[in-house]
Amino acid sequence: MWTSAQRVSYMVVTCHFVDSDWFLQKRVLNFRNVPPPHSGVVIAEELRKCFGDWGIEDKVFTITIDNAKANDTAIRILKDDFELREVLPIGGRSFHVRCCAHITNLLVQVGIAEIGDIVDLVREGIKYIVASEGRLRKFSDIAKRMQLPGKKLILDVPTRWNSTYMMLATAVQFKEVFPRYHQSDQAFQWLISPEEWEKVENVNQILSIFNDVTNIVSGSEYPTSNLFLPEVWRIKEVLLLKCRDNNEYIRVMVSKMSNKFEKYWGNCNLLMALAAMLDPRYKMKLIKFCFPLIYPEPESSMNIDNVHSVLHELYEVYVTSHNSSVMQLQQIAQENSRSTSGSTRVAAVKAPIGRSRFLQHVICNDDVRPAKTDLDVYLKENVYICENDVNGC
């Protein structure tokens, strides 16, 4: 959901799918005005219309959505509809996916609020300087005399936490310039003490990790669902480390962030784990490595077993679909065989070569399942080691 500057509300629905050539595709299916109220019932009805218009009401695997009460209600309504029609694989356990980028944003907003008064000082001071070309030139001249990096001040968009991080990270580099600028412009009153700058620097060390994670999971030119789990583990590791920090304000900040983490990621995110397992660089090895770091025992072992079981269950869904396609091929092959044998235009029919005849025989007769499935073989193989990952690139 999005509201324009003219206070007009819109709903945007984007579809991701893998095409027949195994390329990831992304399409905007819907961009329409949805007047208030934006209740769960209204959102669910708009999504129903969108699915119906595109004929995909029986093809939806997951819905990724921001974390809002109305959105949760909409998903519950839609899930009930899908379950009645029995079109959800693995019992709909992967149907509702909470947006990881949005959860990261919620965690960081809670953390930034702990130094909110300092952030406001930095923001208002920068807003005053950049509002005038003359003030900005005077500030830049002081920075040049001090031989500071040729970066520019950044004014954030308060609703976008990563822009706030960039504002603070840049402002820290000019912390010696602000008091000198005050000497030449007494109207500038937004001075920050050395102790407050130290707080900003310490908080920025944490925010830089979250900024990296956000940049990774917000990519639009490559698949991201397989990248969530290692980044979530990275967040958990930082929170565990910083909860023992020497500074009380850091401990308080991390405690609030940890509460948010447990609210949204305290339970196993099934789809996140499944996607990681289907990445040949991770497989079950990542699950077994990071789950004990994210979840306490015996919950960790239970989650590992559950993810492994659900992946096999999902594999069987695709096997069933594949077998259905094979049966259709059998019918087509049999019909072609009957029509060929009954045709009087024998000379016009090209006799199938040996390989084709053998393939038809296999399709019609080979229904014995191998002792090991393709999934078993895949999981037993070693993970793929990418040289760039080893080098930290």
Protein backbone atom coordinates (compact mmCIF):
# COMPACT_ATOMS: atom_id res chain seq x y z
CA MET A 1 0.00 0.00 0.00
CA TRP A 2 1.23 3.47 -0.88
CA THR A 3 -0.14 7.01 -0.47
CA SER A 4 0.87 9.74 -2.89
CA ALA A 5 1.71 13.35 -2.03
CA GLN A 6 -1.88 14.18 -3.04
CA ARG A 7 -3.12 11.77 -0.33
CA VAL A 8 -4.38 9.28 -2.90
CA SER A 9 -4.00 5.65 -1.79
CA TYR A 10 -2.80 2.91 -4.10
CA MET A 11 -2.22 -0.82 -3.95
CA VAL A 12 0.69 -2.31 -5.90
CA VAL A 13 0.90 -6.06 -6.53
CA THR A 14 4.14 -7.48 -7.94
CA CYS A 15 4.49 -11.08 -9.11
CA HIS A 16 7.72 -13.08 -9.14
CA PHE A 17 7.93 -16.36 -11.03
CA VAL A 18 10.37 -18.65 -12.80
CA ASP A 19 9.66 -19.02 -16.51
CA SER A 20 10.04 -22.14 -18.67
CA ASP A 21 13.70 -21.24 -19.34
CA TRP A 22 14.44 -21.04 -15.60
CA PHE A 23 14.83 -17.27 -15.54
CA LEU A 24 13.45 -15.27 -12.63
CA GLN A 25 10.78 -12.85 -13.84
CA LYS A 26 9.13 -9.90 -12.10
CA ARG A 27 5.93 -8.19 -13.25
CA VAL A 28 3.71 -5.50 -11.76
CA LEU A 29 0.23 -7.05 -11.91
CA ASN A 30 -1.75 -4.27 -10.33
CA PHE A 31 -1.43 -0.56 -9.58
CA ARG A 32 -4.80 0.82 -8.62
CA ASN A 33 -6.45 3.35 -6.40
CA VAL A 34 -7.82 1.80 -3.21
CA PRO A 35 -9.74 4.37 -1.13
CA PRO A 36 -9.74 4.09 2.67
CA PRO A 37 -10.44 2.31 4.92
CA HIS A 38 -7.56 -0.08 4.29
CA SER A 39 -8.92 -2.90 6.42
CA GLY A 40 -7.88 -6.51 6.08
CA VAL A 41 -11.18 -7.31 4.34
CA VAL A 42 -10.65 -4.56 1.75
CA ILE A 43 -7.04 -5.63 1.06
CA ALA A 44 -8.04 -9.29 0.72
CA GLU A 45 -10.84 -8.42 -1.73
CA GLU A 46 -8.50 -6.35 -3.90
CA LEU A 47 -6.00 -9.21 -4.01
CA ARG A 48 -8.80 -11.65 -4.92
CA LYS A 49 -9.77 -9.43 -7.86
CA CYS A 50 -6.14 -9.19 -9.00
CA PHE A 51 -5.64 -12.97 -8.88
CA GLY A 52 -8.90 -13.52 -10.74
CA ASP A 53 -8.10 -10.97 -13.45
CA TRP A 54 -4.80 -12.72 -14.15
CA GLY A 55 -6.14 -16.26 -13.76
CA ILE A 56 -3.60 -17.19 -11.09
CA GLU A 57 -5.93 -17.86 -8.16
CA ASP A 58 -4.71 -21.49 -8.07
CA LYS A 59 -1.04 -20.72 -8.67
CA VAL A 60 -0.08 -18.48 -5.75
CA PHE A 61 2.64 -20.08 -3.61
CA THR A 62 3.55 -17.27 -1.20
CA ILE A 63 2.54 -13.70 -0.46
CA THR A 64 5.21 -11.36 0.91
CA ILE A 65 3.81 -8.36 2.71
CA ASP A 66 4.76 -5.68 5.24
CA ASN A 67 4.10 -6.24 8.93
CA ALA A 68 0.80 -4.52 9.69
CA LYS A 69 -2.31 -5.76 11.47
CA ALA A 70 -4.56 -5.19 8.43
CA ASN A 71 -2.13 -7.12 6.24
CA ASP A 72 -2.12 -10.06 8.67
CA THR A 73 -5.93 -10.11 8.60
CA ALA A 74 -5.96 -10.04 4.79
CA ILE A 75 -3.56 -12.99 4.62
CA ARG A 76 -5.68 -15.03 7.06
CA ILE A 77 -8.78 -14.42 4.92
CA LEU A 78 -7.02 -15.40 1.70
CA LYS A 79 -5.40 -18.44 3.28
CA ASP A 80 -8.80 -19.72 4.37
CA ASP A 81 -10.04 -19.36 0.77
CA PHE A 82 -7.03 -21.18 -0.65
CA GLU A 83 -7.27 -23.99 1.90
CA LEU A 84 -10.94 -24.57 1.06
CA ARG A 85 -9.94 -25.10 -2.56
CA GLU A 86 -6.98 -27.26 -1.44
CA VAL A 87 -4.51 -25.46 -3.70
CA LEU A 88 -1.83 -24.63 -1.12
CA PRO A 89 1.22 -26.96 -1.02
CA ILE A 90 2.67 -28.17 2.32
CA GLY A 91 -0.49 -27.13 4.11
CA GLY A 92 0.01 -23.43 3.40
CA ARG A 93 2.96 -23.22 5.78
CA SER A 94 4.85 -21.06 3.29
CA PHE A 95 1.89 -18.88 2.29
CA HIS A 96 2.49 -15.84 4.51
CA VAL A 97 6.02 -14.40 4.25
CA ARG A 98 6.87 -11.34 6.32
CA CYS A 99 9.06 -8.89 4.43
CA CYS A 100 12.60 -9.28 5.82
CA ALA A 101 13.64 -5.79 4.72
CA HIS A 102 10.67 -4.35 6.61
CA ILE A 103 11.48 -6.36 9.74
CA THR A 104 15.06 -5.10 9.57
CA ASN A 105 13.69 -1.57 9.32
CA LEU A 106 11.55 -2.11 12.45
CA LEU A 107 14.55 -3.40 14.40
CA VAL A 108 16.71 -0.44 13.46
CA GLN A 109 14.02 2.19 14.07
CA VAL A 110 13.76 0.91 17.65
CA GLY A 111 17.54 1.14 18.01
CA ILE A 112 17.88 4.63 16.54
CA ALA A 113 15.17 5.88 18.90
CA GLU A 114 17.56 5.26 21.80
CA ILE A 115 19.68 8.22 20.61
CA GLY A 116 16.72 10.03 19.07
CA ASP A 117 17.56 13.37 20.71
CA ILE A 118 21.06 13.32 19.19
CA VAL A 119 19.69 12.30 15.78
CA ASP A 120 17.28 15.25 15.93
CA LEU A 121 20.16 17.62 16.71
CA VAL A 122 22.19 16.34 13.76
CA ARG A 123 19.17 16.47 11.43
CA GLU A 124 18.13 20.01 12.39
CA GLY A 125 21.71 21.28 12.17
CA ILE A 126 22.19 19.86 8.68
CA LYS A 127 18.76 21.12 7.64
CA TYR A 128 19.80 24.65 8.69
CA ILE A 129 23.10 24.51 6.78
CA VAL A 130 21.83 23.02 3.51
CA ALA A 131 18.87 25.42 3.42
CA SER A 132 21.19 28.21 2.22
CA GLU A 133 23.82 28.05 -0.49
CA GLY A 134 25.90 30.61 1.38
CA ARG A 135 25.86 28.59 4.62
CA LEU A 136 26.74 25.41 2.78
CA ARG A 137 29.65 27.14 1.00
CA LYS A 138 30.95 28.49 4.32
CA PHE A 139 30.72 25.01 5.90
CA SER A 140 32.56 23.46 2.91
CA ASP A 141 35.32 26.06 3.10
CA ILE A 142 35.97 25.18 6.75
CA ALA A 143 36.06 21.48 5.89
CA LYS A 144 38.56 22.12 3.09
CA ARG A 145 40.84 24.13 5.38
CA MET A 146 40.81 21.19 7.78
CA GLN A 147 41.67 18.85 4.86
CA LEU A 148 38.62 16.67 5.50
CA PRO A 149 37.21 14.25 2.89
CA GLY A 150 35.39 15.91 0.03
CA LYS A 151 32.02 14.45 1.02
CA LYS A 152 28.81 16.42 1.30
CA LEU A 153 26.37 16.61 4.17
CA ILE A 154 23.38 14.29 3.77
CA LEU A 155 19.90 15.15 5.02
CA ASP A 156 17.92 12.01 5.71
CA VAL A 157 14.37 10.92 5.01
CA PRO A 158 13.24 10.03 8.58
CA THR A 159 11.03 7.14 7.42
CA ARG A 160 13.99 5.48 5.69
CA TRP A 161 16.34 4.35 8.41
CA ASN A 162 19.29 3.65 6.09
CA SER A 163 19.25 7.28 4.94
CA THR A 164 19.41 8.26 8.63
CA TYR A 165 22.42 5.98 9.01
CA MET A 166 24.12 7.61 6.01
CA MET A 167 23.37 11.05 7.46
CA LEU A 168 24.95 10.12 10.80
CA ALA A 169 27.93 8.34 9.20
CA THR A 170 28.69 11.39 7.07
CA ALA A 171 28.07 13.90 9.87
CA VAL A 172 30.58 12.13 12.14
CA GLN A 173 33.32 12.89 9.63
CA PHE A 174 32.54 16.61 10.01
CA LYS A 175 32.18 16.63 13.81
CA GLU A 176 35.12 19.06 14.14
CA VAL A 177 33.62 21.40 11.54
CA PHE A 178 30.30 22.07 13.30
CA PRO A 179 31.73 24.00 16.33
CA ARG A 180 34.00 26.03 14.01
CA TYR A 181 31.02 26.83 11.80
CA HIS A 182 29.16 28.01 14.94
CA GLN A 183 31.96 30.53 15.58
CA SER A 184 31.23 32.20 12.23
CA ASP A 185 27.44 31.83 12.40
CA GLN A 186 26.02 32.41 15.89
CA ALA A 187 22.53 31.50 14.63
CA PHE A 188 23.68 27.90 14.36
CA GLN A 189 22.65 26.40 17.71
CA TRP A 190 22.69 22.65 17.06
CA LEU A 191 26.00 21.78 18.70
CA ILE A 192 26.80 18.21 19.74
CA SER A 193 29.20 17.35 22.54
CA PRO A 194 32.16 14.94 22.12
CA GLU A 195 30.32 12.43 24.35
CA GLU A 196 27.30 12.56 22.06
CA TRP A 197 29.45 12.09 18.96
CA GLU A 198 30.97 9.03 20.65
CA LYS A 199 27.45 7.64 21.09
CA VAL A 200 26.74 8.21 17.40
CA GLU A 201 29.95 6.41 16.41
CA ASN A 202 29.17 3.41 18.63
CA VAL A 203 25.61 3.15 17.34
CA ASN A 204 26.86 3.46 13.77
CA GLN A 205 29.03 0.37 14.23
CA ILE A 206 25.82 -1.63 14.73
CA LEU A 207 23.86 0.20 12.06
CA SER A 208 26.54 -0.47 9.46
CA ILE A 209 25.83 -4.22 9.77
CA PHE A 210 22.12 -3.63 9.30
CA ASN A 211 22.84 -1.38 6.35
CA ASP A 212 24.82 -4.16 4.67
CA VAL A 213 22.01 -6.64 5.32
CA THR A 214 19.37 -4.27 3.94
CA ASN A 215 21.35 -3.70 0.76
CA ILE A 216 21.69 -7.46 0.24
CA VAL A 217 18.08 -8.47 0.87
CA SER A 218 16.60 -5.49 -0.99
CA GLY A 219 18.17 -6.39 -4.35
CA SER A 220 15.83 -6.44 -7.33
CA GLU A 221 18.10 -7.86 -10.05
CA TYR A 222 18.73 -11.24 -8.40
CA PRO A 223 16.90 -13.76 -6.17
CA THR A 224 17.00 -12.80 -2.50
CA SER A 225 14.99 -15.42 -0.58
CA ASN A 226 18.04 -17.72 -0.44
CA LEU A 227 20.13 -14.91 1.09
CA PHE A 228 17.89 -14.08 4.06
CA LEU A 229 18.93 -16.83 6.47
CA PRO A 230 22.70 -16.13 6.57
CA GLU A 231 21.94 -12.43 7.06
CA VAL A 232 19.41 -13.09 9.84
CA TRP A 233 22.04 -15.22 11.57
CA ARG A 234 24.48 -12.32 11.16
CA ILE A 235 22.00 -9.95 12.84
CA LYS A 236 21.45 -12.38 15.71
CA GLU A 237 25.21 -12.69 16.21
CA VAL A 238 25.63 -8.91 16.43
CA LEU A 239 22.78 -8.58 18.92
CA LEU A 240 24.23 -11.31 21.14
CA LEU A 241 27.65 -9.66 21.07
CA LYS A 242 26.41 -6.13 21.78
CA CYS A 243 24.07 -7.14 24.61
CA ARG A 244 27.25 -7.36 26.74
CA ASP A 245 28.61 -3.98 25.64
CA ASN A 246 30.27 -1.74 28.23
CA ASN A 247 27.91 1.15 27.42
CA GLU A 248 24.50 0.98 29.05
CA TYR A 249 22.74 2.83 26.21
CA ILE A 250 24.02 0.21 23.75
CA ARG A 251 22.74 -2.60 25.99
CA VAL A 252 19.32 -0.93 26.28
CA MET A 253 19.21 -0.33 22.53
CA VAL A 254 20.16 -3.93 21.71
CA SER A 255 17.66 -5.28 24.24
CA LYS A 256 14.81 -3.49 22.45
CA MET A 257 16.06 -4.66 19.07
CA SER A 258 16.33 -8.24 20.36
CA ASN A 259 12.69 -8.14 21.48
CA LYS A 260 11.68 -7.18 17.94
CA PHE A 261 13.91 -9.92 16.54
CA GLU A 262 12.23 -12.55 18.71
CA LYS A 263 8.78 -11.26 17.79
CA TYR A 264 9.30 -11.76 14.05
CA TRP A 265 12.14 -14.31 13.79
CA GLY A 266 11.82 -16.11 17.11
CA ASN A 267 9.98 -18.90 15.32
CA CYS A 268 11.55 -20.70 12.39
CA ASN A 269 10.91 -18.89 9.11
CA LEU A 270 10.17 -21.92 7.00
CA LEU A 271 10.44 -20.39 3.54
CA MET A 272 13.69 -18.64 4.42
CA ALA A 273 15.18 -21.98 5.45
CA LEU A 274 13.84 -23.87 2.41
CA ALA A 275 15.26 -21.28 0.02
CA ALA A 276 18.67 -21.49 1.69
CA MET A 277 18.67 -25.29 1.40
CA LEU A 278 18.01 -25.03 -2.33
CA ASP A 279 21.08 -22.81 -2.74
CA PRO A 280 23.94 -25.20 -3.65
CA ARG A 281 26.33 -23.03 -1.60
CA TYR A 282 24.36 -23.69 1.61
CA LYS A 283 22.12 -26.82 1.59
CA MET A 284 21.59 -28.43 5.02
CA LYS A 285 25.06 -27.38 6.16
CA LEU A 286 23.96 -23.77 6.65
CA ILE A 287 20.84 -24.87 8.55
CA LYS A 288 22.87 -27.07 10.89
CA PHE A 289 25.47 -24.32 11.33
CA CYS A 290 23.30 -21.30 12.06
CA PHE A 291 20.14 -22.72 13.69
CA PRO A 292 21.99 -23.50 16.97
CA LEU A 293 23.13 -19.86 16.96
CA ILE A 294 19.62 -18.49 16.38
CA TYR A 295 17.49 -20.88 18.46
CA PRO A 296 18.06 -22.52 21.86
CA GLU A 297 18.00 -26.28 22.31
CA PRO A 298 15.92 -28.40 21.91
CA GLU A 299 14.14 -25.92 19.63
CA SER A 300 17.11 -25.78 17.27
CA SER A 301 17.14 -29.56 16.63
CA MET A 302 13.35 -29.60 16.21
CA ASN A 303 13.54 -26.82 13.63
CA ILE A 304 16.30 -28.60 11.71
CA ASP A 305 14.25 -31.81 11.55
CA ASN A 306 11.11 -29.89 10.60
CA VAL A 307 12.78 -28.01 7.74
CA HIS A 308 14.31 -31.23 6.40
CA SER A 309 10.93 -32.98 6.55
CA VAL A 310 9.04 -30.11 4.89
CA LEU A 311 11.57 -29.90 2.05
CA HIS A 312 10.96 -33.57 1.26
CA GLU A 313 7.23 -32.99 1.51
CA LEU A 314 7.49 -30.11 -0.94
CA TYR A 315 9.62 -32.25 -3.24
CA GLU A 316 6.85 -34.86 -3.34
CA VAL A 317 4.40 -32.16 -4.44
CA TYR A 318 6.57 -31.51 -7.49
CA VAL A 319 7.09 -35.23 -8.10
CA THR A 320 3.32 -35.69 -8.20
CA SER A 321 3.02 -32.81 -10.63
CA HIS A 322 5.79 -34.29 -12.76
CA ASN A 323 4.16 -37.74 -12.80
CA SER A 324 0.92 -36.14 -13.90
CA SER A 325 2.77 -34.58 -16.84
CA VAL A 326 4.35 -37.97 -17.67
CA MET A 327 0.91 -39.58 -17.75
CA GLN A 328 -0.23 -36.94 -20.22
CA LEU A 329 2.80 -37.75 -22.37
CA GLN A 330 1.89 -41.42 -22.19
CA GLN A 331 -1.59 -40.71 -23.43
CA ILE A 332 -0.28 -38.55 -26.26
CA ALA A 333 2.26 -41.24 -27.23
CA GLN A 334 -0.42 -43.94 -27.22
CA GLU A 335 -2.80 -41.80 -29.27
CA ASN A 336 -0.04 -41.03 -31.77
CA SER A 337 0.79 -44.74 -31.98
CA ARG A 338 -2.82 -45.69 -32.67
CA SER A 339 -3.30 -42.94 -35.26
CA THR A 340 -0.05 -43.93 -37.00
CA SER A 341 -0.92 -47.64 -37.16
CA GLY A 342 -4.39 -46.91 -38.52
CA SER A 343 -3.28 -44.45 -41.15
CA THR A 344 -3.35 -45.44 -44.81
CA ARG A 345 -0.63 -42.88 -45.60
CA VAL A 346 2.16 -45.05 -44.29
CA ALA A 347 4.73 -43.62 -46.69
CA ALA A 348 4.21 -40.12 -45.31
CA VAL A 349 4.89 -41.19 -41.71
CA LYS A 350 8.46 -40.88 -40.55
CA ALA A 351 9.41 -43.97 -38.57
CA PRO A 352 10.71 -43.10 -35.07
CA ILE A 353 14.41 -43.70 -34.54
CA GLY A 354 15.58 -46.23 -31.95
CA ARG A 355 16.16 -43.71 -29.13
CA SER A 356 12.65 -42.27 -29.55
CA ARG A 357 11.05 -45.70 -29.47
CA PHE A 358 13.03 -46.59 -26.34
CA LEU A 359 12.01 -43.30 -24.66
CA GLN A 360 8.36 -44.01 -25.39
CA HIS A 361 8.81 -47.47 -23.86
CA VAL A 362 10.35 -45.95 -20.69
CA ILE A 363 7.59 -43.37 -20.37
CA CYS A 364 4.89 -46.00 -20.71
CA ASN A 365 6.44 -48.67 -18.48
CA ASP A 366 9.04 -47.25 -16.06
CA ASP A 367 7.12 -46.34 -12.91
CA VAL A 368 9.63 -47.68 -10.37
CA ARG A 369 10.96 -44.98 -8.03
CA PRO A 370 14.72 -44.98 -7.40
CA ALA A 371 15.99 -45.81 -3.91
CA LYS A 372 17.42 -42.30 -3.64
CA THR A 373 15.53 -39.31 -4.94
CA ASP A 374 17.14 -36.41 -6.77
CA LEU A 375 16.66 -34.39 -3.59
CA ASP A 376 18.54 -36.98 -1.49
CA VAL A 377 21.41 -36.96 -3.98
CA TYR A 378 21.50 -33.14 -4.00
CA LEU A 379 21.61 -32.87 -0.21
CA LYS A 380 24.35 -35.51 0.07
CA GLU A 381 26.64 -33.72 -2.36
CA ASN A 382 29.15 -31.22 -1.04
CA VAL A 383 28.19 -27.57 -1.07
CA TYR A 384 29.40 -25.44 -3.95
CA ILE A 385 32.27 -23.20 -2.80
CA CYS A 386 32.35 -19.90 -4.65
CA GLU A 387 35.80 -18.30 -4.82
CA ASN A 388 34.33 -14.82 -4.44
CA ASP A 389 32.57 -15.84 -1.22
CA VAL A 390 35.80 -17.25 0.20
CA ASN A 391 37.63 -14.00 -0.57
CA GLY A 392 34.84 -11.97 0.98
CA CYS A 393 33.88 -10.33 -2.32
